[in-house]
Protein backbone atom coordinates (compact mmCIF):
# COMPACT_ATOMS: atom_id res chain seq x y z
CA ARG A 1 9.04 7.67 -27.45
CA THR A 2 10.21 10.80 -29.25
CA VAL A 3 7.99 12.92 -27.22
CA GLN A 4 8.91 11.18 -24.04
CA GLU A 5 12.57 11.72 -24.79
CA HIS A 6 11.89 15.39 -25.58
CA TRP A 7 10.44 16.04 -22.06
CA ARG A 8 13.54 14.04 -20.52
CA ARG A 9 15.89 16.21 -22.29
CA ARG A 10 14.29 19.25 -21.11
CA GLY A 11 14.63 18.19 -17.56
CA VAL A 12 11.07 18.62 -16.60
CA VAL A 13 10.90 16.02 -13.91
CA GLU A 14 13.94 17.46 -12.09
CA LYS A 15 12.33 20.80 -12.37
CA LEU A 16 9.02 19.44 -10.94
CA ALA A 17 10.44 17.82 -7.81
CA PRO A 18 11.21 20.75 -5.52
CA ARG A 19 8.05 22.55 -6.70
CA LEU A 20 5.85 19.60 -5.79
CA ARG A 21 7.49 19.33 -2.31
CA ALA A 22 6.98 23.12 -1.85
CA ASP A 23 3.18 22.60 -2.72
CA LEU A 24 2.75 20.43 0.25
CA ALA A 25 3.08 23.54 2.55
CA ARG A 26 1.89 26.13 0.05
CA ALA A 27 0.55 29.21 2.19
CA ALA A 28 -2.14 29.90 -0.32
CA GLY A 29 -3.57 26.39 0.04
CA GLU A 30 -3.81 23.70 -2.56
CA ARG A 31 -3.00 24.20 -6.20
CA SER A 32 -5.95 24.55 -8.71
CA LEU A 33 -7.60 21.44 -10.00
CA PRO A 34 -6.11 21.67 -13.54
CA TRP A 35 -2.61 21.72 -11.93
CA ARG A 36 -3.53 18.70 -9.71
CA ASP A 37 -4.85 16.78 -12.63
CA ALA A 38 -2.15 17.61 -15.08
CA VAL A 39 0.91 16.56 -13.02
CA PRO A 40 0.00 12.97 -12.29
CA SER A 41 -1.41 12.68 -15.74
CA PHE A 42 1.78 14.07 -17.41
CA LEU A 43 4.03 11.76 -15.44
CA ALA A 44 1.89 8.67 -15.93
CA ASN A 45 2.11 9.30 -19.79
CA LEU A 46 5.81 10.04 -19.60
CA VAL A 47 6.77 6.73 -18.13
CA ALA A 48 4.25 4.59 -19.96
CA GLY A 49 5.92 1.70 -21.67
CA HIS A 50 9.38 3.29 -21.29
CA ALA A 51 11.63 1.30 -18.88
CA GLU A 52 14.52 3.87 -18.86
CA LEU A 53 12.21 6.74 -18.07
CA ARG A 54 10.65 4.89 -15.10
CA VAL A 55 14.17 4.52 -13.64
CA HIS A 56 14.81 8.37 -14.39
CA VAL A 57 11.56 9.48 -12.81
CA MET A 58 12.19 7.21 -9.77
CA MET A 59 15.68 8.50 -9.22
CA ALA A 60 14.32 12.20 -9.44
CA LEU A 61 11.17 11.67 -7.37
CA PHE A 62 11.39 8.79 -5.02
CA PRO A 63 10.44 8.96 -2.19
CA TYR A 64 9.41 12.63 -1.28
CA GLY A 65 8.61 13.79 -4.80
CA LEU A 66 6.42 10.78 -5.54
CA ALA A 67 4.69 11.17 -2.25
CA SER A 68 4.00 14.88 -3.09
CA VAL A 69 2.55 13.90 -6.47
CA PHE A 70 0.11 11.43 -4.84
CA ALA A 71 -0.77 14.12 -2.27
CA LEU A 72 -2.20 16.08 -5.20
CA CYS A 73 -4.84 13.38 -5.97
CA TRP A 74 -7.32 13.56 -3.05
CA HIS A 75 -9.95 14.86 -5.48
CA ARG A 76 -9.35 12.14 -8.11
CA PRO A 77 -7.43 9.21 -6.33
CA HIS A 78 -7.35 7.02 -9.45
CA LEU A 79 -4.73 9.51 -10.96
CA ALA A 80 -2.33 8.18 -8.25
CA PHE A 81 -2.98 4.53 -9.06
CA VAL A 82 -2.58 5.13 -12.76
CA LEU A 83 0.78 6.67 -12.33
CA ALA A 84 1.98 3.96 -9.78
CA GLN A 85 0.78 1.19 -12.21
CA ASN A 86 2.78 2.71 -15.15
CA LEU A 87 5.70 3.41 -12.80
CA PHE A 88 5.93 0.02 -11.04
CA ALA A 89 4.25 -2.48 -13.34
CA PRO A 90 6.79 -5.12 -14.50
CA GLY A 91 5.37 -5.37 -18.02
CA GLU A 92 4.66 -8.74 -19.86
CA ALA A 93 8.25 -9.43 -20.61
CA ASN A 94 9.37 -8.98 -16.91
CA VAL A 95 6.52 -10.72 -15.18
CA GLY A 96 7.86 -12.65 -12.10
CA THR A 97 10.87 -10.38 -11.69
CA ARG A 98 11.25 -7.28 -9.42
CA SER A 99 12.76 -4.20 -10.91
CA PRO A 100 14.84 -2.03 -8.59
CA SER A 101 12.15 0.45 -8.50
CA LEU A 102 9.44 -2.06 -7.37
CA GLN A 103 11.91 -3.37 -4.63
CA GLN A 104 12.36 0.25 -3.34
CA LEU A 105 8.57 0.39 -3.05
CA LEU A 106 7.98 -2.94 -1.52
CA GLU A 107 11.06 -3.38 0.72
CA THR A 108 11.94 0.03 2.14
CA PRO A 109 10.38 2.05 4.94
CA GLU A 110 10.04 5.07 2.57
CA GLY A 111 8.12 2.80 0.03
CA HIS A 112 5.89 1.64 2.77
CA VAL A 113 5.02 5.30 3.67
CA VAL A 114 4.08 5.95 0.04
CA ILE A 115 1.84 2.84 0.06
CA HIS A 116 0.26 4.05 3.35
CA LEU A 117 -0.47 7.37 1.55
CA MET A 118 -2.09 5.40 -1.33
CA LEU A 119 -4.28 3.47 1.02
CA SER A 120 -5.37 6.70 2.42
CA LEU A 121 -6.38 7.83 -0.93
CA LEU A 122 -8.30 4.64 -1.42
CA ARG A 123 -10.17 5.31 1.89
CA GLY A 124 -11.21 8.79 0.79
CA GLU A 125 -11.67 11.92 2.73
CA GLY A 126 -15.28 11.75 3.88
CA GLY A 127 -17.43 9.23 5.80
CA PRO A 128 -19.28 6.52 4.16
CA ALA A 129 -21.77 7.57 1.47
CA GLU A 130 -24.92 5.83 0.33
CA GLU A 131 -23.62 5.56 -3.39
CA GLU A 132 -20.15 5.63 -4.70
CA THR A 133 -19.07 8.68 -6.63
CA LEU A 134 -17.45 8.40 -9.99
CA ALA A 135 -14.10 9.25 -8.52
CA GLU A 136 -14.56 6.39 -5.85
CA VAL A 137 -15.41 3.92 -8.52
CA GLN A 138 -12.42 4.89 -10.74
CA ALA A 139 -10.09 4.78 -7.64
CA ARG A 140 -11.22 1.33 -6.89
CA GLU A 141 -10.84 0.02 -10.38
CA TRP A 142 -7.37 1.22 -10.79
CA ALA A 143 -6.47 0.23 -7.10
CA THR A 144 -7.35 -3.23 -8.18
CA ILE A 145 -5.12 -3.36 -10.98
CA PHE A 146 -2.18 -1.85 -9.02
CA PHE A 147 -2.51 -4.07 -6.03
CA HIS A 148 -3.01 -7.17 -8.02
CA SER A 149 0.27 -6.32 -9.84
CA LEU A 150 2.02 -5.85 -6.43
CA TRP A 151 0.68 -8.98 -4.66
CA SER A 152 1.29 -11.04 -7.73
CA GLN A 153 4.97 -10.05 -7.36
CA GLY A 154 5.01 -11.34 -3.78
CA GLY A 155 4.94 -7.94 -2.36
CA PHE A 156 2.20 -8.51 0.22
CA PRO A 157 4.37 -9.83 3.19
CA HIS A 158 7.01 -7.03 2.85
CA VAL A 159 4.32 -4.42 2.76
CA TYR A 160 2.10 -5.77 5.46
CA ARG A 161 5.02 -6.24 7.97
CA GLY A 162 6.36 -2.89 7.23
CA ILE A 163 3.19 -1.02 7.73
CA ARG A 164 2.27 -3.14 10.73
CA ARG A 165 5.59 -2.00 12.39
CA MET A 166 5.18 1.67 11.17
CA GLN A 167 5.13 4.23 13.98
CA ALA A 168 3.07 7.39 13.65
CA ASP A 169 6.22 9.51 14.13
CA THR A 170 7.60 7.77 11.08
CA LEU A 171 4.85 9.28 9.00
CA HIS A 172 5.23 12.70 10.53
CA VAL A 173 8.98 12.83 10.03
CA PHE A 174 8.65 11.59 6.35
CA PHE A 175 6.16 14.40 5.52
CA CYS A 176 8.03 17.08 7.22
CA GLN A 177 11.13 16.03 5.27
CA ALA A 178 9.06 15.87 2.10
CA ALA A 179 7.89 19.60 2.60
CA LEU A 180 11.56 20.73 3.30
CA PRO A 181 13.11 21.53 -0.05
CA ALA A 182 15.96 24.14 0.09
CA GLY A 183 15.04 27.30 1.76
CA VAL A 184 11.78 26.11 3.49
CA SER A 185 11.57 26.70 7.19
CA PRO A 186 10.63 23.97 9.69
CA ASP A 187 7.36 25.99 10.60
CA VAL A 188 6.24 25.65 6.91
CA ALA A 189 6.77 21.91 7.13
CA MET A 190 4.60 21.59 10.11
CA LEU A 191 1.93 23.31 8.17
CA ALA A 192 2.18 20.50 5.39
CA LEU A 193 1.88 17.90 8.31
CA ALA A 194 -1.20 19.70 9.74
CA ARG A 195 -2.83 19.33 6.27
CA LEU A 196 -2.11 15.91 5.64
CA VAL A 197 -2.56 14.05 8.91
CA PRO A 198 -6.40 14.48 9.04
CA ARG A 199 -6.27 12.84 5.57
CA LEU A 200 -4.13 9.86 6.43
CA CYS A 201 -5.72 6.68 7.51
CA CYS A 202 -4.83 5.51 10.96
CA HIS A 203 -2.67 2.48 11.62
CA GLY A 204 -5.58 0.00 12.20
CA GLU A 205 -7.23 1.20 8.94
CA ALA A 206 -4.05 0.81 6.86
CA VAL A 207 -3.49 -2.84 8.06
CA GLY A 208 -7.25 -3.65 7.55
CA LEU A 209 -7.18 -2.08 4.08
CA LEU A 210 -4.29 -4.17 3.10
CA TRP A 211 -6.18 -7.37 3.88
CA HIS A 212 -9.22 -5.88 2.21
CA THR A 213 -7.36 -5.52 -1.07
CA LEU A 214 -6.26 -9.17 -0.90
CA HIS A 215 -9.75 -10.33 -0.02
CA GLY A 216 -11.32 -8.46 -2.93
CA LEU A 217 -8.93 -9.61 -5.51
CA LEU A 218 -9.25 -13.29 -4.46
CA ILE A 219 -13.06 -13.38 -4.56
CA GLY A 220 -13.60 -10.77 -7.38
CA PRO A 221 -16.09 -7.92 -7.50
CA GLY A 222 -19.71 -8.90 -6.78
CA ALA A 223 -18.71 -12.34 -5.83
CA GLY A 224 -21.25 -14.52 -3.93
CA PRO A 225 -20.87 -17.05 -1.18
CA ASP A 226 -19.28 -19.63 -3.68
CA GLY A 227 -16.81 -17.03 -4.73
CA GLU A 228 -18.10 -16.91 -8.27
CA GLY A 229 -17.75 -13.33 -9.66
CA ALA A 230 -20.66 -11.44 -11.03
CA ARG A 231 -18.79 -9.80 -13.82
CA GLY A 232 -17.57 -12.52 -16.01
CA ASP A 233 -15.96 -16.00 -15.92
CA ASP A 234 -12.44 -14.53 -15.91
CA LYS A 235 -12.71 -13.11 -12.30
CA PRO A 236 -12.83 -16.36 -10.48
CA SER A 237 -9.95 -17.77 -12.56
CA ALA A 238 -7.86 -14.64 -11.84
CA GLY A 239 -8.59 -15.11 -8.10
CA ARG A 240 -7.51 -18.75 -8.25
CA GLU A 241 -4.31 -17.73 -10.03
CA LEU A 242 -3.49 -15.20 -7.32
CA ALA A 243 -4.33 -17.69 -4.70
CA ARG A 244 -1.90 -20.19 -6.37
CA VAL A 245 0.80 -17.43 -6.40
CA LEU A 246 0.29 -16.60 -2.68
CA LEU A 247 0.11 -20.20 -1.42
CA THR A 248 3.42 -21.02 -3.19
CA ASP A 249 4.97 -17.96 -1.64
CA GLU A 250 6.57 -19.29 1.74
CA ALA A 251 6.79 -15.74 3.16
CA PHE A 252 3.09 -15.08 2.69
CA VAL A 253 2.07 -18.64 4.07
CA CYS A 254 4.16 -17.77 7.17
CA LEU A 255 2.60 -14.42 7.61
CA ALA A 256 -0.99 -15.81 7.14
CA SER A 257 -0.34 -18.72 9.60
CA GLU A 258 0.99 -16.09 12.27
CA GLU A 259 -2.03 -13.96 11.78
CA MET A 260 -4.52 -16.69 11.98
CA ALA A 261 -2.84 -18.10 15.04
CA ASP A 262 -2.76 -14.66 16.68
CA ALA A 263 -6.43 -14.03 15.87
CA CYS A 264 -7.42 -17.33 17.54
CA SER A 265 -5.40 -16.50 20.56
CA GLN A 266 -6.75 -13.00 20.89
CA VAL A 267 -10.31 -14.48 20.77
CA ALA A 268 -9.62 -16.99 23.27
CA LEU A 269 -8.16 -14.55 25.67
CA ARG A 270 -10.79 -11.82 25.09
CA TRP A 271 -13.65 -14.29 25.81
CA LYS A 272 -11.67 -16.42 28.44
CA LEU A 273 -12.09 -19.57 26.31
CA PRO A 274 -10.36 -22.82 27.49
CA TRP A 275 -8.59 -23.07 24.07
CA ARG A 276 -5.25 -24.90 24.35
CA PRO A 277 -4.22 -26.33 20.90
CA GLU A 278 -2.14 -29.40 21.12
CA ALA A 279 1.14 -29.83 19.28
CA ALA A 280 0.78 -31.84 16.00
CA SER A 281 2.23 -35.20 16.38
CA GLU A 282 5.19 -36.27 14.03
CA GLU A 283 3.02 -38.70 12.22
CA ALA A 284 0.47 -35.97 11.28
CA CYS A 285 3.24 -33.60 10.12
CA ALA A 286 4.64 -36.36 8.05
CA ALA A 287 1.31 -37.18 6.48
CA LEU A 288 0.77 -33.51 5.63
CA GLY A 289 4.30 -32.98 4.51
CA VAL A 290 4.96 -30.07 6.93
CA ASP A 291 7.54 -29.18 9.54
CA ALA A 292 6.19 -29.30 13.09
CA ALA A 293 7.32 -25.66 13.53
CA HIS A 294 5.03 -24.41 10.77
CA VAL A 295 1.75 -25.84 12.56
CA ASP A 296 2.79 -24.91 16.17
CA VAL A 297 -0.06 -22.56 16.91
CA PRO A 298 1.25 -21.11 20.18
CA ALA A 299 4.67 -20.24 18.70
CA LEU A 300 3.04 -18.71 15.62
CA ALA A 301 0.76 -16.55 17.66
CA ALA A 302 3.67 -15.49 19.89
CA ALA A 303 5.66 -14.46 16.81
CA ALA A 304 2.86 -12.45 15.50
CA ALA A 305 2.22 -10.73 18.88
CA GLU A 306 5.84 -9.98 19.23
CA GLU A 307 6.03 -8.24 15.90
CA ALA A 308 2.95 -6.26 16.63
CA LEU A 309 4.57 -4.83 19.73
CA VAL A 310 7.02 -2.98 17.37
CA GLY A 311 4.21 -0.83 15.83
CA PRO A 312 1.53 1.08 17.71
CA ALA A 313 0.09 -0.63 20.68
CA ALA A 314 -3.05 -2.49 19.93
CA ALA A 315 -4.81 -0.84 22.97
CA GLU A 316 -4.55 2.63 21.47
CA ASP A 317 -7.63 4.15 19.93
CA ASP A 318 -7.26 4.18 16.19
CA ASP A 319 -10.38 6.33 15.63
CA ASP A 320 -8.55 9.72 15.92
CA GLY A 321 -6.29 9.26 12.90
CA ALA A 322 -2.49 8.85 12.61
CA GLY A 323 -1.76 11.91 14.56
CA ALA A 324 -3.14 10.41 17.73
CA GLU A 325 -1.04 7.27 17.81
């Protein structure tokens, strides 16, 4: 803590913030690999186990400076997830409670853009490879730890709805603002946007990756058809515990019900199936202990479809990246 306080007194984080934002549109290109390794590693060590410094760093960097730090990590994505875990993890003494910093990440549009960037890091820059690289393995492992922490805190519905509603111009405006510290021209900000957009996952990929993180956490790595993990007996129990948390979260249950109903409706519409779900009877609802509105499939599907209209149209081609939407 003595070393951490030393760097705090020196104002290193405040000095880093404008430099990191300017780096997004650096005319000479990206910084050197040692710099891109050192900055996220330094910040992760600075806030580790220090609640006050977490708040200090969030106030100095969120949202644009933090996004600029994560944008340094394309070559080693796990560095971004290590920093995020140290910055937003509740700690054993505060499990079950959300810090103001975690609320900013989970419940604000700026936080959703930051998570969108992290999902893009998880996807990687290239196409599918036959074998995972060391960087990809490390990114997946640290992403597992980070997203388990977020979803265990009830963050999935907030993040999913926020990213599903997100428009492409929201991303564009955010990163232009991130690259506009004092004295930088709008043309330079557009250069940053041109560099970042090809690396960002498109809307459909971001939504799909969110469900993928959840699926992977529930079944565990290397799980078979019965859900039993291949890396130890603790994996299935961890998945069951997360499932218990999710199924007792009314917001998640509502979201999952809407998505399932909408998926069934879309399949029936696409293939012209004569699917007309009947309303559940009062007797059935009473036996199950649920409200009739919670099992009204057409109403749930309509709610999901209405929310989807707020974001990019489903008919748009997501293959051309975020800039095409």
